[in-house]
Amino acid sequence: EYLLSLGYEVHGIVRRVASEYNSWRFSRIK
């Protein structure tokens, strides 16, 4: 969130088992 507010292009790495967007693991960044 903070880097986006500064104009960054933001990339993130997630484990393959959590790669579906509907995963609960994505609740903080959905």
All heavy atoms as atom14 arrays in JSON, in Angstrom:
{
  "sequence": "EYLLSLGYEVHGIVRRVASEYNSWRFSRIK",
  "atom14_mask": [
    [1, 1, 1, 1, 1, 1, 1, 1, 1, 0, 0, 0, 0, 0],
    [1, 1, 1, 1, 1, 1, 1, 1, 1, 1, 1, 1, 0, 0],
    [1, 1, 1, 1, 1, 1, 1, 1, 0, 0, 0, 0, 0, 0],
    [1, 1, 1, 1, 1, 1, 1, 1, 0, 0, 0, 0, 0, 0],
    [1, 1, 1, 1, 1, 1, 0, 0, 0, 0, 0, 0, 0, 0],
    [1, 1, 1, 1, 1, 1, 1, 1, 0, 0, 0, 0, 0, 0],
    [1, 1, 1, 1, 0, 0, 0, 0, 0, 0, 0, 0, 0, 0],
    [1, 1, 1, 1, 1, 1, 1, 1, 1, 1, 1, 1, 0, 0],
    [1, 1, 1, 1, 1, 1, 1, 1, 1, 0, 0, 0, 0, 0],
    [1, 1, 1, 1, 1, 1, 1, 0, 0, 0, 0, 0, 0, 0],
    [1, 1, 1, 1, 1, 1, 1, 1, 1, 1, 0, 0, 0, 0],
    [1, 1, 1, 1, 0, 0, 0, 0, 0, 0, 0, 0, 0, 0],
    [1, 1, 1, 1, 1, 1, 1, 1, 0, 0, 0, 0, 0, 0],
    [1, 1, 1, 1, 1, 1, 1, 0, 0, 0, 0, 0, 0, 0],
    [1, 1, 1, 1, 1, 1, 1, 1, 1, 1, 1, 0, 0, 0],
    [1, 1, 1, 1, 1, 1, 1, 1, 1, 1, 1, 0, 0, 0],
    [1, 1, 1, 1, 1, 1, 1, 0, 0, 0, 0, 0, 0, 0],
    [1, 1, 1, 1, 1, 0, 0, 0, 0, 0, 0, 0, 0, 0],
    [1, 1, 1, 1, 1, 1, 0, 0, 0, 0, 0, 0, 0, 0],
    [1, 1, 1, 1, 1, 1, 1, 1, 1, 0, 0, 0, 0, 0],
    [1, 1, 1, 1, 1, 1, 1, 1, 1, 1, 1, 1, 0, 0],
    [1, 1, 1, 1, 1, 1, 1, 1, 0, 0, 0, 0, 0, 0],
    [1, 1, 1, 1, 1, 1, 0, 0, 0, 0, 0, 0, 0, 0],
    [1, 1, 1, 1, 1, 1, 1, 1, 1, 1, 1, 1, 1, 1],
    [1, 1, 1, 1, 1, 1, 1, 1, 1, 1, 1, 0, 0, 0],
    [1, 1, 1, 1, 1, 1, 1, 1, 1, 1, 1, 0, 0, 0],
    [1, 1, 1, 1, 1, 1, 0, 0, 0, 0, 0, 0, 0, 0],
    [1, 1, 1, 1, 1, 1, 1, 1, 1, 1, 1, 0, 0, 0],
    [1, 1, 1, 1, 1, 1, 1, 1, 0, 0, 0, 0, 0, 0],
    [1, 1, 1, 1, 1, 1, 1, 1, 1, 0, 0, 0, 0, 0]
  ],
  "atom14_positions": [
    [[0.83, -1.21, 0.0], [0.0, 0.0, 0.0], [0.86, 1.26, 0.0], [0.63, 2.2, -0.76], [-0.92, 0.02, 1.22], [-2.13, -0.85, 1.12], [-3.02, -0.73, 2.33], [-2.63, -0.02, 3.29], [-4.1, -1.33, 2.34], [0.0, 0.0, 0.0], [0.0, 0.0, 0.0], [0.0, 0.0, 0.0], [0.0, 0.0, 0.0], [0.0, 0.0, 0.0]],
    [[1.85, 1.26, 0.88], [2.71, 2.44, 1.03], [3.49, 2.72, -0.25], [3.57, 3.87, -0.7], [3.65, 2.23, 2.21], [4.54, 3.41, 2.5], [4.01, 4.62, 2.95], [5.91, 3.33, 2.31], [4.83, 5.71, 3.21], [6.74, 4.41, 2.58], [6.19, 5.6, 3.02], [7.0, 6.67, 3.28], [0.0, 0.0, 0.0], [0.0, 0.0, 0.0]],
    [[4.06, 1.68, -0.85], [4.85, 1.87, -2.07], [3.98, 2.32, -3.23], [4.39, 3.14, -4.06], [5.59, 0.58, -2.42], [6.68, 0.15, -1.41], [7.3, -1.19, -1.85], [7.76, 1.2, -1.27], [0.0, 0.0, 0.0], [0.0, 0.0, 0.0], [0.0, 0.0, 0.0], [0.0, 0.0, 0.0], [0.0, 0.0, 0.0], [0.0, 0.0, 0.0]],
    [[2.76, 1.78, -3.32], [1.83, 2.23, -4.35], [1.53, 3.72, -4.2], [1.45, 4.46, -5.19], [0.53, 1.43, -4.29], [0.56, -0.01, -4.83], [-0.75, -0.72, -4.5], [0.82, -0.04, -6.33], [0.0, 0.0, 0.0], [0.0, 0.0, 0.0], [0.0, 0.0, 0.0], [0.0, 0.0, 0.0], [0.0, 0.0, 0.0], [0.0, 0.0, 0.0]],
    [[1.39, 4.17, -2.95], [1.11, 5.58, -2.7], [2.27, 6.48, -3.14], [2.07, 7.67, -3.41], [0.8, 5.82, -1.23], [1.98, 5.73, -0.42], [0.0, 0.0, 0.0], [0.0, 0.0, 0.0], [0.0, 0.0, 0.0], [0.0, 0.0, 0.0], [0.0, 0.0, 0.0], [0.0, 0.0, 0.0], [0.0, 0.0, 0.0], [0.0, 0.0, 0.0]],
    [[3.48, 5.89, -3.23], [4.66, 6.64, -3.67], [4.91, 6.52, -5.16], [5.89, 7.07, -5.67], [5.9, 6.15, -2.9], [5.88, 6.32, -1.37], [7.15, 5.72, -0.76], [5.75, 7.78, -0.99], [0.0, 0.0, 0.0], [0.0, 0.0, 0.0], [0.0, 0.0, 0.0], [0.0, 0.0, 0.0], [0.0, 0.0, 0.0], [0.0, 0.0, 0.0]],
    [[4.03, 5.79, -5.86], [4.15, 5.66, -7.3], [4.95, 4.47, -7.78], [5.3, 4.38, -8.97], [0.0, 0.0, 0.0], [0.0, 0.0, 0.0], [0.0, 0.0, 0.0], [0.0, 0.0, 0.0], [0.0, 0.0, 0.0], [0.0, 0.0, 0.0], [0.0, 0.0, 0.0], [0.0, 0.0, 0.0], [0.0, 0.0, 0.0], [0.0, 0.0, 0.0]],
    [[5.25, 3.52, -6.91], [5.99, 2.33, -7.29], [5.14, 1.35, -8.11], [3.91, 1.32, -7.97], [6.48, 1.58, -6.05], [7.74, 2.11, -5.4], [7.75, 3.33, -4.74], [8.92, 1.37, -5.44], [8.89, 3.8, -4.12], [10.07, 1.83, -4.81], [10.04, 3.05, -4.15], [11.19, 3.49, -3.52], [0.0, 0.0, 0.0], [0.0, 0.0, 0.0]],
    [[5.81, 0.57, -8.94], [5.2, -0.61, -9.54], [5.52, -1.77, -8.59], [6.68, -2.09, -8.37], [5.79, -0.88, -10.92], [5.22, -2.11, -11.62], [5.86, -2.36, -12.97], [5.88, -1.42, -13.8], [6.37, -3.48, -13.21], [0.0, 0.0, 0.0], [0.0, 0.0, 0.0], [0.0, 0.0, 0.0], [0.0, 0.0, 0.0], [0.0, 0.0, 0.0]],
    [[4.5, -2.38, -8.02], [4.69, -3.33, -6.93], [4.42, -4.77, -7.39], [3.36, -5.07, -7.94], [3.78, -3.0, -5.73], [3.95, -4.04, -4.62], [4.09, -1.61, -5.19], [0.0, 0.0, 0.0], [0.0, 0.0, 0.0], [0.0, 0.0, 0.0], [0.0, 0.0, 0.0], [0.0, 0.0, 0.0], [0.0, 0.0, 0.0], [0.0, 0.0, 0.0]],
    [[5.41, -5.64, -7.14], [5.31, -7.06, -7.44], [5.42, -7.84, -6.13], [6.17, -7.46, -5.22], [6.41, -7.5, -8.39], [6.34, -6.85, -9.74], [5.94, -7.53, -10.88], [6.65, -5.58, -10.14], [5.99, -6.7, -11.91], [6.43, -5.51, -11.5], [0.0, 0.0, 0.0], [0.0, 0.0, 0.0], [0.0, 0.0, 0.0], [0.0, 0.0, 0.0]],
    [[4.7, -8.95, -6.05], [4.76, -9.79, -4.85], [4.89, -11.25, -5.19], [4.39, -11.71, -6.22], [0.0, 0.0, 0.0], [0.0, 0.0, 0.0], [0.0, 0.0, 0.0], [0.0, 0.0, 0.0], [0.0, 0.0, 0.0], [0.0, 0.0, 0.0], [0.0, 0.0, 0.0], [0.0, 0.0, 0.0], [0.0, 0.0, 0.0], [0.0, 0.0, 0.0]],
    [[5.59, -11.98, -4.34], [5.74, -13.43, -4.5], [4.87, -14.13, -3.47], [4.9, -13.81, -2.28], [7.21, -13.87, -4.31], [8.11, -13.2, -5.35], [7.33, -15.39, -4.4], [9.59, -13.53, -5.18], [0.0, 0.0, 0.0], [0.0, 0.0, 0.0], [0.0, 0.0, 0.0], [0.0, 0.0, 0.0], [0.0, 0.0, 0.0], [0.0, 0.0, 0.0]],
    [[4.08, -15.1, -3.94], [3.27, -15.92, -3.05], [3.53, -17.39, -3.38], [3.92, -17.73, -4.5], [1.77, -15.61, -3.18], [1.48, -14.17, -2.83], [1.26, -15.93, -4.57], [0.0, 0.0, 0.0], [0.0, 0.0, 0.0], [0.0, 0.0, 0.0], [0.0, 0.0, 0.0], [0.0, 0.0, 0.0], [0.0, 0.0, 0.0], [0.0, 0.0, 0.0]],
    [[3.32, -18.23, -2.38], [3.52, -19.65, -2.61], [2.51, -20.18, -3.61], [1.38, -19.71, -3.69], [3.39, -20.41, -1.29], [4.57, -20.21, -0.35], [4.35, -20.9, 0.97], [3.28, -20.27, 1.73], [2.85, -20.69, 2.9], [3.38, -21.75, 3.45], [1.88, -20.05, 3.54], [0.0, 0.0, 0.0], [0.0, 0.0, 0.0], [0.0, 0.0, 0.0]],
    [[2.91, -21.19, -4.35], [2.05, -21.75, -5.4], [0.72, -22.22, -4.84], [-0.32, -22.08, -5.48], [2.77, -22.9, -6.1], [4.03, -22.46, -6.84], [4.59, -23.57, -7.7], [5.89, -23.21, -8.26], [6.05, -22.44, -9.33], [4.99, -21.96, -9.95], [7.27, -22.17, -9.78], [0.0, 0.0, 0.0], [0.0, 0.0, 0.0], [0.0, 0.0, 0.0]],
    [[0.73, -22.77, -3.63], [-0.5, -23.29, -3.04], [-1.48, -22.18, -2.71], [-2.65, -22.42, -2.45], [-0.21, -24.1, -1.76], [0.58, -25.34, -2.08], [0.5, -23.25, -0.71], [0.0, 0.0, 0.0], [0.0, 0.0, 0.0], [0.0, 0.0, 0.0], [0.0, 0.0, 0.0], [0.0, 0.0, 0.0], [0.0, 0.0, 0.0], [0.0, 0.0, 0.0]],
    [[-1.0, -20.92, -2.72], [-1.86, -19.79, -2.39], [-2.1, -18.89, -3.6], [-2.49, -17.74, -3.46], [-1.24, -18.98, -1.26], [0.0, 0.0, 0.0], [0.0, 0.0, 0.0], [0.0, 0.0, 0.0], [0.0, 0.0, 0.0], [0.0, 0.0, 0.0], [0.0, 0.0, 0.0], [0.0, 0.0, 0.0], [0.0, 0.0, 0.0], [0.0, 0.0, 0.0]],
    [[-1.9, -19.43, -4.79], [-1.9, -18.6, -5.98], [-3.3, -18.26, -6.5], [-3.43, -17.46, -7.42], [-1.08, -19.27, -7.09], [-1.63, -20.53, -7.41], [0.0, 0.0, 0.0], [0.0, 0.0, 0.0], [0.0, 0.0, 0.0], [0.0, 0.0, 0.0], [0.0, 0.0, 0.0], [0.0, 0.0, 0.0], [0.0, 0.0, 0.0], [0.0, 0.0, 0.0]],
    [[-4.35, -18.84, -5.94], [-5.7, -18.49, -6.34], [-6.15, -17.24, -5.59], [-6.02, -17.13, -4.39], [-6.67, -19.63, -6.05], [-6.39, -20.9, -6.85], [-6.56, -20.67, -8.35], [-7.43, -19.86, -8.73], [-5.83, -21.3, -9.12], [0.0, 0.0, 0.0], [0.0, 0.0, 0.0], [0.0, 0.0, 0.0], [0.0, 0.0, 0.0], [0.0, 0.0, 0.0]],
    [[-6.7, -16.29, -6.29], [-7.05, -15.0, -5.69], [-8.13, -15.11, -4.63], [-8.28, -14.22, -3.79], [-7.51, -14.02, -6.78], [-6.39, -13.46, -7.6], [-5.06, -13.85, -7.37], [-6.62, -12.56, -8.61], [-4.03, -13.35, -8.14], [-5.59, -12.05, -9.39], [-4.29, -12.46, -9.15], [-3.25, -11.97, -9.91], [0.0, 0.0, 0.0], [0.0, 0.0, 0.0]],
    [[-8.9, -16.18, -4.67], [-9.94, -16.31, -3.66], [-9.44, -16.96, -2.38], [-10.2, -17.23, -1.47], [-11.13, -17.1, -4.22], [-10.74, -18.53, -4.6], [-9.57, -18.91, -4.53], [-11.73, -19.32, -4.99], [0.0, 0.0, 0.0], [0.0, 0.0, 0.0], [0.0, 0.0, 0.0], [0.0, 0.0, 0.0], [0.0, 0.0, 0.0], [0.0, 0.0, 0.0]],
    [[-8.14, -17.22, -2.31], [-7.56, -17.82, -1.12], [-7.64, -16.85, 0.05], [-7.53, -15.62, -0.1], [-6.09, -18.2, -1.37], [-5.44, -18.53, -0.16], [0.0, 0.0, 0.0], [0.0, 0.0, 0.0], [0.0, 0.0, 0.0], [0.0, 0.0, 0.0], [0.0, 0.0, 0.0], [0.0, 0.0, 0.0], [0.0, 0.0, 0.0], [0.0, 0.0, 0.0]],
    [[-7.82, -17.39, 1.24], [-7.88, -16.54, 2.44], [-6.56, -15.81, 2.64], [-6.51, -14.76, 3.27], [-8.2, -17.39, 3.66], [-7.16, -18.43, 4.0], [-7.16, -19.74, 3.61], [-5.99, -18.25, 4.78], [-6.06, -20.38, 4.08], [-5.32, -19.5, 4.82], [-5.43, -17.18, 5.45], [-4.12, -19.69, 5.49], [-4.23, -17.36, 6.14], [-3.59, -18.6, 6.15]],
    [[-5.5, -16.35, 2.1], [-4.19, -15.71, 2.23], [-4.14, -14.35, 1.56], [-3.28, -13.53, 1.85], [-3.1, -16.62, 1.66], [-2.9, -17.92, 2.43], [-1.83, -18.78, 1.77], [-1.57, -20.0, 2.51], [-2.24, -21.12, 2.36], [-3.23, -21.15, 1.49], [-1.97, -22.2, 3.08], [0.0, 0.0, 0.0], [0.0, 0.0, 0.0], [0.0, 0.0, 0.0]],
    [[-5.06, -14.1, 0.67], [-5.09, -12.84, -0.04], [-5.99, -11.81, 0.62], [-6.19, -10.72, 0.08], [-5.53, -13.04, -1.49], [-4.47, -13.61, -2.38], [-4.32, -14.97, -2.5], [-3.6, -12.79, -3.07], [-3.33, -15.5, -3.31], [-2.61, -13.32, -3.87], [-2.48, -14.68, -4.0], [0.0, 0.0, 0.0], [0.0, 0.0, 0.0], [0.0, 0.0, 0.0]],
    [[-6.53, -12.12, 1.78], [-7.49, -11.22, 2.41], [-6.89, -9.85, 2.71], [-7.59, -8.84, 2.68], [-8.04, -11.84, 3.7], [-6.98, -12.09, 4.63], [0.0, 0.0, 0.0], [0.0, 0.0, 0.0], [0.0, 0.0, 0.0], [0.0, 0.0, 0.0], [0.0, 0.0, 0.0], [0.0, 0.0, 0.0], [0.0, 0.0, 0.0], [0.0, 0.0, 0.0]],
    [[-5.58, -9.8, 2.99], [-4.94, -8.54, 3.34], [-4.63, -7.68, 2.12], [-4.41, -6.48, 2.26], [-3.65, -8.78, 4.12], [-3.82, -9.47, 5.47], [-2.48, -9.51, 6.2], [-2.55, -10.17, 7.5], [-2.19, -11.43, 7.71], [-1.77, -12.17, 6.68], [-2.26, -11.97, 8.91], [0.0, 0.0, 0.0], [0.0, 0.0, 0.0], [0.0, 0.0, 0.0]],
    [[-4.58, -8.28, 0.92], [-4.17, -7.52, -0.26], [-5.21, -7.53, -1.37], [-4.97, -6.94, -2.43], [-2.82, -8.02, -0.82], [-2.91, -9.5, -1.2], [-1.7, -7.77, 0.18], [-1.69, -9.99, -1.97], [0.0, 0.0, 0.0], [0.0, 0.0, 0.0], [0.0, 0.0, 0.0], [0.0, 0.0, 0.0], [0.0, 0.0, 0.0], [0.0, 0.0, 0.0]],
    [[-6.37, -8.17, -1.17], [-7.33, -8.29, -2.26], [-7.83, -6.93, -2.74], [-8.2, -6.77, -3.91], [-8.51, -9.17, -1.84], [-9.32, -8.66, -0.67], [-10.43, -9.65, -0.32], [-11.28, -9.14, 0.85], [-12.35, -10.13, 1.21], [0.0, 0.0, 0.0], [0.0, 0.0, 0.0], [0.0, 0.0, 0.0], [0.0, 0.0, 0.0], [0.0, 0.0, 0.0]]
  ]
}
